[in-house]
Amino acid sequence: MLIVTTDEIPGKKLEPLGLVKGETVESKHVGKDIMAGFKGLVGGELKGYTEMISDARRLATERMVQEALSLGADAIVATRFSSSSIMQGASEILVYGTAVKFV
């Protein structure tokens, strides 16, 4: 599945099929949350949270692709990511775009 952030794909004529999305809410367990709190005092990358967000982005993207495939899409254009903090240690990742068919 071709996924792009642009509205067009050079050299392709596109038929829009509709909005597709994928989302997930992920959290780290308490032990890693406590360690991240200590790390926050001294500075530096919070690797546990970086992994959490990366995994969540991958899962949300997979869900969006599955939705696009169910529509018979060849690609997804105008793809955007959004994230928000749900609570301490938990984040929502949303990815969305327009599923298209090559014509």
PDB file of N, CA and C in Angstrom:
ATOM      1  N   MET A   1       0.851  -1.174   0.000  1.00  0.00           N
ATOM      2  CA  MET A   1       0.000   0.000   0.000  1.00  0.00           C
ATOM      3  C   MET A   1       0.896   1.235   0.000  1.00  0.00           C
ATOM      4  N   LEU A   2       0.719   2.076  -0.987  1.00  0.00           N
ATOM      5  CA  LEU A   2       1.442   3.338  -1.057  1.00  0.00           C
ATOM      6  C   LEU A   2       0.750   4.338  -0.140  1.00  0.00           C
ATOM      7  N   ILE A   3       1.516   4.944   0.764  1.00  0.00           N
ATOM      8  CA  ILE A   3       0.987   5.936   1.701  1.00  0.00           C
ATOM      9  C   ILE A   3       1.805   7.202   1.537  1.00  0.00           C
ATOM     10  N   VAL A   4       1.124   8.318   1.206  1.00  0.00           N
ATOM     11  CA  VAL A   4       1.829   9.584   1.000  1.00  0.00           C
ATOM     12  C   VAL A   4       1.117  10.701   1.756  1.00  0.00           C
ATOM     13  N   THR A   5       1.856  11.768   2.037  1.00  0.00           N
ATOM     14  CA  THR A   5       1.271  12.929   2.693  1.00  0.00           C
ATOM     15  C   THR A   5       0.770  13.959   1.683  1.00  0.00           C
ATOM     16  N   THR A   6       1.095  13.771   0.431  1.00  0.00           N
ATOM     17  CA  THR A   6       0.661  14.703  -0.609  1.00  0.00           C
ATOM     18  C   THR A   6      -0.769  14.389  -1.043  1.00  0.00           C
ATOM     19  N   ASP A   7      -1.403  15.365  -1.707  1.00  0.00           N
ATOM     20  CA  ASP A   7      -2.772  15.166  -2.187  1.00  0.00           C
ATOM     21  C   ASP A   7      -2.812  14.442  -3.529  1.00  0.00           C
ATOM     22  N   GLU A   8      -1.707  14.401  -4.220  1.00  0.00           N
ATOM     23  CA  GLU A   8      -1.606  13.784  -5.546  1.00  0.00           C
ATOM     24  C   GLU A   8      -0.447  12.796  -5.559  1.00  0.00           C
ATOM     25  N   ILE A   9      -0.483  11.887  -6.514  1.00  0.00           N
ATOM     26  CA  ILE A   9       0.647  10.999  -6.777  1.00  0.00           C
ATOM     27  C   ILE A   9       1.050  11.265  -8.220  1.00  0.00           C
ATOM     28  N   PRO A  10       2.243  11.822  -8.432  1.00  0.00           N
ATOM     29  CA  PRO A  10       2.652  12.175  -9.789  1.00  0.00           C
ATOM     30  C   PRO A  10       2.506  11.001 -10.759  1.00  0.00           C
ATOM     31  N   GLY A  11       1.889  11.294 -11.915  1.00  0.00           N
ATOM     32  CA  GLY A  11       1.723  10.294 -12.957  1.00  0.00           C
ATOM     33  C   GLY A  11       0.534   9.365 -12.755  1.00  0.00           C
ATOM     34  N   LYS A  12      -0.241   9.569 -11.702  1.00  0.00           N
ATOM     35  CA  LYS A  12      -1.392   8.701 -11.424  1.00  0.00           C
ATOM     36  C   LYS A  12      -2.667   9.524 -11.400  1.00  0.00           C
ATOM     37  N   LYS A  13      -3.712   8.955 -12.009  1.00  0.00           N
ATOM     38  CA  LYS A  13      -5.047   9.539 -11.904  1.00  0.00           C
ATOM     39  C   LYS A  13      -5.744   8.786 -10.781  1.00  0.00           C
ATOM     40  N   LEU A  14      -6.330   9.536  -9.841  1.00  0.00           N
ATOM     41  CA  LEU A  14      -6.868   8.931  -8.631  1.00  0.00           C
ATOM     42  C   LEU A  14      -8.379   9.061  -8.540  1.00  0.00           C
ATOM     43  N   GLU A  15      -9.007   7.987  -8.084  1.00  0.00           N
ATOM     44  CA  GLU A  15     -10.429   8.008  -7.764  1.00  0.00           C
ATOM     45  C   GLU A  15     -10.545   7.889  -6.245  1.00  0.00           C
ATOM     46  N   PRO A  16     -11.038   8.928  -5.570  1.00  0.00           N
ATOM     47  CA  PRO A  16     -11.151   8.854  -4.112  1.00  0.00           C
ATOM     48  C   PRO A  16     -12.217   7.845  -3.682  1.00  0.00           C
ATOM     49  N   LEU A  17     -11.886   7.063  -2.666  1.00  0.00           N
ATOM     50  CA  LEU A  17     -12.815   6.060  -2.142  1.00  0.00           C
ATOM     51  C   LEU A  17     -13.384   6.453  -0.789  1.00  0.00           C
ATOM     52  N   GLY A  18     -12.709   7.351  -0.097  1.00  0.00           N
ATOM     53  CA  GLY A  18     -13.212   7.799   1.197  1.00  0.00           C
ATOM     54  C   GLY A  18     -12.138   7.900   2.254  1.00  0.00           C
ATOM     55  N   LEU A  19     -12.534   8.444   3.379  1.00  0.00           N
ATOM     56  CA  LEU A  19     -11.659   8.612   4.534  1.00  0.00           C
ATOM     57  C   LEU A  19     -11.367   7.258   5.166  1.00  0.00           C
ATOM     58  N   VAL A  20     -10.100   7.049   5.502  1.00  0.00           N
ATOM     59  CA  VAL A  20      -9.706   5.858   6.259  1.00  0.00           C
ATOM     60  C   VAL A  20      -8.888   6.321   7.459  1.00  0.00           C
ATOM     61  N   LYS A  21      -8.957   5.549   8.531  1.00  0.00           N
ATOM     62  CA  LYS A  21      -8.256   5.941   9.743  1.00  0.00           C
ATOM     63  C   LYS A  21      -7.822   4.720  10.532  1.00  0.00           C
ATOM     64  N   GLY A  22      -6.904   4.938  11.412  1.00  0.00           N
ATOM     65  CA  GLY A  22      -6.480   3.927  12.368  1.00  0.00           C
ATOM     66  C   GLY A  22      -6.119   4.647  13.647  1.00  0.00           C
ATOM     67  N   GLU A  23      -6.424   4.034  14.775  1.00  0.00           N
ATOM     68  CA  GLU A  23      -6.100   4.679  16.043  1.00  0.00           C
ATOM     69  C   GLU A  23      -5.815   3.636  17.104  1.00  0.00           C
ATOM     70  N   THR A  24      -5.089   4.076  18.113  1.00  0.00           N
ATOM     71  CA  THR A  24      -4.812   3.234  19.259  1.00  0.00           C
ATOM     72  C   THR A  24      -4.470   4.128  20.440  1.00  0.00           C
ATOM     73  N   VAL A  25      -4.676   3.609  21.624  1.00  0.00           N
ATOM     74  CA  VAL A  25      -4.230   4.255  22.857  1.00  0.00           C
ATOM     75  C   VAL A  25      -3.273   3.288  23.519  1.00  0.00           C
ATOM     76  N   GLU A  26      -2.083   3.763  23.807  1.00  0.00           N
ATOM     77  CA  GLU A  26      -1.041   2.914  24.381  1.00  0.00           C
ATOM     78  C   GLU A  26      -0.562   3.500  25.700  1.00  0.00           C
ATOM     79  N   SER A  27      -0.094   2.623  26.591  1.00  0.00           N
ATOM     80  CA  SER A  27       0.482   3.089  27.853  1.00  0.00           C
ATOM     81  C   SER A  27       1.661   2.197  28.227  1.00  0.00           C
ATOM     82  N   LYS A  28       2.488   2.699  29.108  1.00  0.00           N
ATOM     83  CA  LYS A  28       3.602   1.927  29.658  1.00  0.00           C
ATOM     84  C   LYS A  28       3.217   1.468  31.054  1.00  0.00           C
ATOM     85  N   HIS A  29       3.804   0.359  31.487  1.00  0.00           N
ATOM     86  CA  HIS A  29       3.473  -0.115  32.826  1.00  0.00           C
ATOM     87  C   HIS A  29       4.120   0.775  33.895  1.00  0.00           C
ATOM     88  N   VAL A  30       3.643   0.658  35.099  1.00  0.00           N
ATOM     89  CA  VAL A  30       4.017   1.555  36.185  1.00  0.00           C
ATOM     90  C   VAL A  30       5.529   1.602  36.409  1.00  0.00           C
ATOM     91  N   GLY A  31       6.201   0.474  36.337  1.00  0.00           N
ATOM     92  CA  GLY A  31       7.654   0.448  36.551  1.00  0.00           C
ATOM     93  C   GLY A  31       8.391   1.350  35.575  1.00  0.00           C
ATOM     94  N   LYS A  32       8.044   1.265  34.311  1.00  0.00           N
ATOM     95  CA  LYS A  32       8.700   2.110  33.314  1.00  0.00           C
ATOM     96  C   LYS A  32       8.284   3.570  33.493  1.00  0.00           C
ATOM     97  N   ASP A  33       7.054   3.793  33.950  1.00  0.00           N
ATOM     98  CA  ASP A  33       6.585   5.154  34.181  1.00  0.00           C
ATOM     99  C   ASP A  33       7.387   5.809  35.303  1.00  0.00           C
ATOM    100  N   ILE A  34       7.663   5.061  36.366  1.00  0.00           N
ATOM    101  CA  ILE A  34       8.454   5.579  37.483  1.00  0.00           C
ATOM    102  C   ILE A  34       9.871   5.892  37.015  1.00  0.00           C
ATOM    103  N   MET A  35      10.459   4.981  36.232  1.00  0.00           N
ATOM    104  CA  MET A  35      11.819   5.211  35.713  1.00  0.00           C
ATOM    105  C   MET A  35      11.846   6.439  34.805  1.00  0.00           C
ATOM    106  N   ALA A  36      10.800   6.625  34.016  1.00  0.00           N
ATOM    107  CA  ALA A  36      10.724   7.809  33.151  1.00  0.00           C
ATOM    108  C   ALA A  36      10.646   9.072  33.994  1.00  0.00           C
ATOM    109  N   GLY A  37       9.964   9.000  35.118  1.00  0.00           N
ATOM    110  CA  GLY A  37       9.886  10.149  36.021  1.00  0.00           C
ATOM    111  C   GLY A  37      11.254  10.536  36.541  1.00  0.00           C
ATOM    112  N   PHE A  38      12.068   9.543  36.900  1.00  0.00           N
ATOM    113  CA  PHE A  38      13.435   9.829  37.336  1.00  0.00           C
ATOM    114  C   PHE A  38      14.249  10.434  36.199  1.00  0.00           C
ATOM    115  N   LYS A  39      14.097   9.883  35.007  1.00  0.00           N
ATOM    116  CA  LYS A  39      14.826  10.382  33.839  1.00  0.00           C
ATOM    117  C   LYS A  39      14.428  11.831  33.557  1.00  0.00           C
ATOM    118  N   GLY A  40      13.150  12.147  33.792  1.00  0.00           N
ATOM    119  CA  GLY A  40      12.667  13.506  33.571  1.00  0.00           C
ATOM    120  C   GLY A  40      13.350  14.511  34.476  1.00  0.00           C
ATOM    121  N   LEU A  41      13.837  14.073  35.626  1.00  0.00           N
ATOM    122  CA  LEU A  41      14.534  14.971  36.546  1.00  0.00           C
ATOM    123  C   LEU A  41      15.919  15.349  36.043  1.00  0.00           C
ATOM    124  N   VAL A  42      16.590  14.419  35.369  1.00  0.00           N
ATOM    125  CA  VAL A  42      17.967  14.677  34.932  1.00  0.00           C
ATOM    126  C   VAL A  42      18.065  15.004  33.448  1.00  0.00           C
ATOM    127  N   GLY A  43      16.996  14.786  32.700  1.00  0.00           N
ATOM    128  CA  GLY A  43      17.000  15.088  31.270  1.00  0.00           C
ATOM    129  C   GLY A  43      17.413  13.896  30.433  1.00  0.00           C
ATOM    130  N   GLY A  44      17.176  13.996  29.147  1.00  0.00           N
ATOM    131  CA  GLY A  44      17.531  12.934  28.213  1.00  0.00           C
ATOM    132  C   GLY A  44      16.294  12.291  27.608  1.00  0.00           C
ATOM    133  N   GLU A  45      16.534  11.434  26.636  1.00  0.00           N
ATOM    134  CA  GLU A  45      15.436  10.764  25.935  1.00  0.00           C
ATOM    135  C   GLU A  45      14.757   9.750  26.834  1.00  0.00           C
ATOM    136  N   LEU A  46      13.439   9.721  26.785  1.00  0.00           N
ATOM    137  CA  LEU A  46      12.652   8.724  27.508  1.00  0.00           C
ATOM    138  C   LEU A  46      12.393   7.576  26.538  1.00  0.00           C
ATOM    139  N   LYS A  47      13.356   6.669  26.467  1.00  0.00           N
ATOM    140  CA  LYS A  47      13.319   5.624  25.439  1.00  0.00           C
ATOM    141  C   LYS A  47      12.081   4.744  25.516  1.00  0.00           C
ATOM    142  N   GLY A  48      11.590   4.475  26.704  1.00  0.00           N
ATOM    143  CA  GLY A  48      10.379   3.668  26.845  1.00  0.00           C
ATOM    144  C   GLY A  48       9.193   4.335  26.170  1.00  0.00           C
ATOM    145  N   TYR A  49       9.111   5.657  26.307  1.00  0.00           N
ATOM    146  CA  TYR A  49       8.009   6.386  25.682  1.00  0.00           C
ATOM    147  C   TYR A  49       8.219   6.515  24.180  1.00  0.00           C
ATOM    148  N   THR A  50       9.464   6.650  23.759  1.00  0.00           N
ATOM    149  CA  THR A  50       9.746   6.674  22.316  1.00  0.00           C
ATOM    150  C   THR A  50       9.306   5.368  21.680  1.00  0.00           C
ATOM    151  N   GLU A  51       9.618   4.245  22.318  1.00  0.00           N
ATOM    152  CA  GLU A  51       9.181   2.936  21.827  1.00  0.00           C
ATOM    153  C   GLU A  51       7.662   2.832  21.817  1.00  0.00           C
ATOM    154  N   MET A  52       7.020   3.316  22.873  1.00  0.00           N
ATOM    155  CA  MET A  52       5.566   3.246  22.972  1.00  0.00           C
ATOM    156  C   MET A  52       4.921   4.002  21.815  1.00  0.00           C
ATOM    157  N   ILE A  53       5.388   5.215  21.547  1.00  0.00           N
ATOM    158  CA  ILE A  53       4.806   6.026  20.478  1.00  0.00           C
ATOM    159  C   ILE A  53       5.085   5.396  19.118  1.00  0.00           C
ATOM    160  N   SER A  54       6.283   4.869  18.930  1.00  0.00           N
ATOM    161  CA  SER A  54       6.630   4.214  17.666  1.00  0.00           C
ATOM    162  C   SER A  54       5.741   2.994  17.423  1.00  0.00           C
ATOM    163  N   ASP A  55       5.567   2.173  18.449  1.00  0.00           N
ATOM    164  CA  ASP A  55       4.697   0.992  18.328  1.00  0.00           C
ATOM    165  C   ASP A  55       3.257   1.398  18.054  1.00  0.00           C
ATOM    166  N   ALA A  56       2.791   2.445  18.739  1.00  0.00           N
ATOM    167  CA  ALA A  56       1.420   2.912  18.551  1.00  0.00           C
ATOM    168  C   ALA A  56       1.223   3.450  17.133  1.00  0.00           C
ATOM    169  N   ARG A  57       2.207   4.186  16.612  1.00  0.00           N
ATOM    170  CA  ARG A  57       2.118   4.722  15.250  1.00  0.00           C
ATOM    171  C   ARG A  57       2.057   3.594  14.226  1.00  0.00           C
ATOM    172  N   ARG A  58       2.869   2.560  14.439  1.00  0.00           N
ATOM    173  CA  ARG A  58       2.870   1.402  13.537  1.00  0.00           C
ATOM    174  C   ARG A  58       1.516   0.693  13.558  1.00  0.00           C
ATOM    175  N   LEU A  59       0.973   0.458  14.748  1.00  0.00           N
ATOM    176  CA  LEU A  59      -0.309  -0.226  14.876  1.00  0.00           C
ATOM    177  C   LEU A  59      -1.441   0.593  14.255  1.00  0.00           C
ATOM    178  N   ALA A  60      -1.459   1.890  14.519  1.00  0.00           N
ATOM    179  CA  ALA A  60      -2.499   2.757  13.949  1.00  0.00           C
ATOM    180  C   ALA A  60      -2.414   2.760  12.423  1.00  0.00           C
ATOM    181  N   THR A  61      -1.194   2.791  11.886  1.00  0.00           N
ATOM    182  CA  THR A  61      -1.004   2.776  10.427  1.00  0.00           C
ATOM    183  C   THR A  61      -1.502   1.457   9.845  1.00  0.00           C
ATOM    184  N   GLU A  62      -1.182   0.341  10.503  1.00  0.00           N
ATOM    185  CA  GLU A  62      -1.662  -0.964  10.037  1.00  0.00           C
ATOM    186  C   GLU A  62      -3.186  -1.001  10.002  1.00  0.00           C
ATOM    187  N   ARG A  63      -3.827  -0.432  10.997  1.00  0.00           N
ATOM    188  CA  ARG A  63      -5.297  -0.413  11.040  1.00  0.00           C
ATOM    189  C   ARG A  63      -5.875   0.447   9.919  1.00  0.00           C
ATOM    190  N   MET A  64      -5.209   1.573   9.616  1.00  0.00           N
ATOM    191  CA  MET A  64      -5.659   2.423   8.520  1.00  0.00           C
ATOM    192  C   MET A  64      -5.519   1.680   7.191  1.00  0.00           C
ATOM    193  N   VAL A  65      -4.403   1.001   6.997  1.00  0.00           N
ATOM    194  CA  VAL A  65      -4.172   0.252   5.757  1.00  0.00           C
ATOM    195  C   VAL A  65      -5.223  -0.844   5.605  1.00  0.00           C
ATOM    196  N   GLN A  66      -5.549  -1.549   6.664  1.00  0.00           N
ATOM    197  CA  GLN A  66      -6.574  -2.597   6.585  1.00  0.00           C
ATOM    198  C   GLN A  66      -7.922  -2.014   6.164  1.00  0.00           C
ATOM    199  N   GLU A  67      -8.254  -0.843   6.693  1.00  0.00           N
ATOM    200  CA  GLU A  67      -9.507  -0.185   6.309  1.00  0.00           C
ATOM    201  C   GLU A  67      -9.473   0.194   4.828  1.00  0.00           C
ATOM    202  N   ALA A  68      -8.330   0.689   4.360  1.00  0.00           N
ATOM    203  CA  ALA A  68      -8.191   1.061   2.948  1.00  0.00           C
ATOM    204  C   ALA A  68      -8.284  -0.169   2.048  1.00  0.00           C
ATOM    205  N   LEU A  69      -7.652  -1.267   2.451  1.00  0.00           N
ATOM    206  CA  LEU A  69      -7.716  -2.502   1.668  1.00  0.00           C
ATOM    207  C   LEU A  69      -9.154  -3.004   1.562  1.00  0.00           C
ATOM    208  N   SER A  70      -9.921  -2.849   2.625  1.00  0.00           N
ATOM    209  CA  SER A  70     -11.313  -3.311   2.597  1.00  0.00           C
ATOM    210  C   SER A  70     -12.156  -2.508   1.605  1.00  0.00           C
ATOM    211  N   LEU A  71     -11.694  -1.316   1.244  1.00  0.00           N
ATOM    212  CA  LEU A  71     -12.377  -0.495   0.244  1.00  0.00           C
ATOM    213  C   LEU A  71     -11.845  -0.752  -1.171  1.00  0.00           C
ATOM    214  N   GLY A  72     -10.793  -1.578  -1.275  1.00  0.00           N
ATOM    215  CA  GLY A  72     -10.183  -1.854  -2.572  1.00  0.00           C
ATOM    216  C   GLY A  72      -9.194  -0.794  -3.010  1.00  0.00           C
ATOM    217  N   ALA A  73      -8.614  -0.079  -2.067  1.00  0.00           N
ATOM    218  CA  ALA A  73      -7.694   1.022  -2.378  1.00  0.00           C
ATOM    219  C   ALA A  73      -6.335   0.525  -2.853  1.00  0.00           C
ATOM    220  N   ASP A  74      -5.713   1.361  -3.691  1.00  0.00           N
ATOM    221  CA  ASP A  74      -4.335   1.131  -4.128  1.00  0.00           C
ATOM    222  C   ASP A  74      -3.351   1.976  -3.326  1.00  0.00           C
ATOM    223  N   ALA A  75      -3.847   3.073  -2.745  1.00  0.00           N
ATOM    224  CA  ALA A  75      -2.979   4.000  -2.026  1.00  0.00           C
ATOM    225  C   ALA A  75      -3.805   4.824  -1.050  1.00  0.00           C
ATOM    226  N   ILE A  76      -3.091   5.527  -0.182  1.00  0.00           N
ATOM    227  CA  ILE A  76      -3.714   6.479   0.735  1.00  0.00           C
ATOM    228  C   ILE A  76      -2.970   7.800   0.564  1.00  0.00           C
ATOM    229  N   VAL A  77      -3.713   8.858   0.258  1.00  0.00           N
ATOM    230  CA  VAL A  77      -3.117  10.180   0.077  1.00  0.00           C
ATOM    231  C   VAL A  77      -3.540  11.097   1.214  1.00  0.00           C
ATOM    232  N   ALA A  78      -2.848  12.238   1.315  1.00  0.00           N
ATOM    233  CA  ALA A  78      -3.150  13.258   2.329  1.00  0.00           C
ATOM    234  C   ALA A  78      -3.110  12.670   3.736  1.00  0.00           C
ATOM    235  N   THR A  79      -2.148  11.816   3.999  1.00  0.00           N
ATOM    236  CA  THR A  79      -2.037  11.137   5.285  1.00  0.00           C
ATOM    237  C   THR A  79      -1.534  12.097   6.361  1.00  0.00           C
ATOM    238  N   ARG A  80      -2.168  12.033   7.517  1.00  0.00           N
ATOM    239  CA  ARG A  80      -1.800  12.875   8.649  1.00  0.00           C
ATOM    240  C   ARG A  80      -1.792  12.045   9.917  1.00  0.00           C
ATOM    241  N   PHE A  81      -0.894  12.400  10.828  1.00  0.00           N
ATOM    242  CA  PHE A  81      -0.829  11.782  12.147  1.00  0.00           C
ATOM    243  C   PHE A  81      -1.223  12.809  13.197  1.00  0.00           C
ATOM    244  N   SER A  82      -1.881  12.344  14.231  1.00  0.00           N
ATOM    245  CA  SER A  82      -2.242  13.191  15.355  1.00  0.00           C
ATOM    246  C   SER A  82      -1.984  12.397  16.626  1.00  0.00           C
ATOM    247  N   SER A  83      -1.545  13.080  17.662  1.00  0.00           N
ATOM    248  CA  SER A  83      -1.363  12.402  18.939  1.00  0.00           C
ATOM    249  C   SER A  83      -1.863  13.293  20.053  1.00  0.00           C
ATOM    250  N   SER A  84      -2.272  12.654  21.127  1.00  0.00           N
ATOM    251  CA  SER A  84      -2.705  13.403  22.294  1.00  0.00           C
ATOM    252  C   SER A  84      -2.466  12.562  23.537  1.00  0.00           C
ATOM    253  N   SER A  85      -2.266  13.248  24.628  1.00  0.00           N
ATOM    254  CA  SER A  85      -2.089  12.579  25.909  1.00  0.00           C
ATOM    255  C   SER A  85      -3.465  12.322  26.507  1.00  0.00           C
ATOM    256  N   ILE A  86      -3.740  11.075  26.824  1.00  0.00           N
ATOM    257  CA  ILE A  86      -5.025  10.702  27.402  1.00  0.00           C
ATOM    258  C   ILE A  86      -4.969  10.860  28.922  1.00  0.00           C
ATOM    259  N   MET A  87      -3.869  10.408  29.505  1.00  0.00           N
ATOM    260  CA  MET A  87      -3.617  10.512  30.939  1.00  0.00           C
ATOM    261  C   MET A  87      -2.122  10.324  31.149  1.00  0.00           C
ATOM    262  N   GLN A  88      -1.651  10.449  32.361  1.00  0.00           N
ATOM    263  CA  GLN A  88      -0.229  10.260  32.641  1.00  0.00           C
ATOM    264  C   GLN A  88       0.235   8.904  32.115  1.00  0.00           C
ATOM    265  N   GLY A  89       1.182   8.899  31.184  1.00  0.00           N
ATOM    266  CA  GLY A  89       1.739   7.652  30.678  1.00  0.00           C
ATOM    267  C   GLY A  89       0.954   6.976  29.577  1.00  0.00           C
ATOM    268  N   ALA A  90      -0.120   7.600  29.083  1.00  0.00           N
ATOM    269  CA  ALA A  90      -0.915   6.994  28.009  1.00  0.00           C
ATOM    270  C   ALA A  90      -1.154   8.027  26.910  1.00  0.00           C
ATOM    271  N   SER A  91      -0.975   7.587  25.670  1.00  0.00           N
ATOM    272  CA  SER A  91      -1.150   8.482  24.531  1.00  0.00           C
ATOM    273  C   SER A  91      -2.021   7.837  23.465  1.00  0.00           C
ATOM    274  N   GLU A  92      -2.788   8.686  22.790  1.00  0.00           N
ATOM    275  CA  GLU A  92      -3.579   8.248  21.653  1.00  0.00           C
ATOM    276  C   GLU A  92      -2.832   8.645  20.381  1.00  0.00           C
ATOM    277  N   ILE A  93      -2.787   7.743  19.426  1.00  0.00           N
ATOM    278  CA  ILE A  93      -2.254   8.034  18.101  1.00  0.00           C
ATOM    279  C   ILE A  93      -3.379   7.810  17.106  1.00  0.00           C
ATOM    280  N   LEU A  94      -3.600   8.798  16.252  1.00  0.00           N
ATOM    281  CA  LEU A  94      -4.593   8.715  15.192  1.00  0.00           C
ATOM    282  C   LEU A  94      -3.884   9.001  13.876  1.00  0.00           C
ATOM    283  N   VAL A  95      -4.112   8.161  12.888  1.00  0.00           N
ATOM    284  CA  VAL A  95      -3.601   8.408  11.538  1.00  0.00           C
ATOM    285  C   VAL A  95      -4.800   8.327  10.601  1.00  0.00           C
ATOM    286  N   TYR A  96      -4.851   9.257   9.643  1.00  0.00           N
ATOM    287  CA  TYR A  96      -5.978   9.268   8.720  1.00  0.00           C
ATOM    288  C   TYR A  96      -5.532   9.798   7.371  1.00  0.00           C
ATOM    289  N   GLY A  97      -6.297   9.458   6.359  1.00  0.00           N
ATOM    290  CA  GLY A  97      -6.018   9.903   5.010  1.00  0.00           C
ATOM    291  C   GLY A  97      -7.171   9.529   4.087  1.00  0.00           C
ATOM    292  N   THR A  98      -6.979   9.757   2.809  1.00  0.00           N
ATOM    293  CA  THR A  98      -8.001   9.441   1.814  1.00  0.00           C
ATOM    294  C   THR A  98      -7.565   8.213   1.021  1.00  0.00           C
ATOM    295  N   ALA A  99      -8.372   7.172   1.076  1.00  0.00           N
ATOM    296  CA  ALA A  99      -8.109   5.973   0.288  1.00  0.00           C
ATOM    297  C   ALA A  99      -8.445   6.283  -1.173  1.00  0.00           C
ATOM    298  N   VAL A 100      -7.560   5.856  -2.088  1.00  0.00           N
ATOM    299  CA  VAL A 100      -7.771   6.105  -3.517  1.00  0.00           C
ATOM    300  C   VAL A 100      -7.508   4.854  -4.330  1.00  0.00           C
ATOM    301  N   LYS A 101      -8.128   4.805  -5.484  1.00  0.00           N
ATOM    302  CA  LYS A 101      -7.928   3.743  -6.475  1.00  0.00           C
ATOM    303  C   LYS A 101      -7.265   4.381  -7.671  1.00  0.00           C
ATOM    304  N   PHE A 102      -6.306   3.694  -8.288  1.00  0.00           N
ATOM    305  CA  PHE A 102      -5.679   4.167  -9.519  1.00  0.00           C
ATOM    306  C   PHE A 102      -6.644   3.905 -10.671  1.00  0.00           C
ATOM    307  N   VAL A 103      -6.858   4.923 -11.521  1.00  0.00           N
ATOM    308  CA  VAL A 103      -7.716   4.751 -12.696  1.00  0.00           C
ATOM    309  C   VAL A 103      -6.938   5.033 -13.960  1.00  0.00           C
TER     310      VAL A 103
END
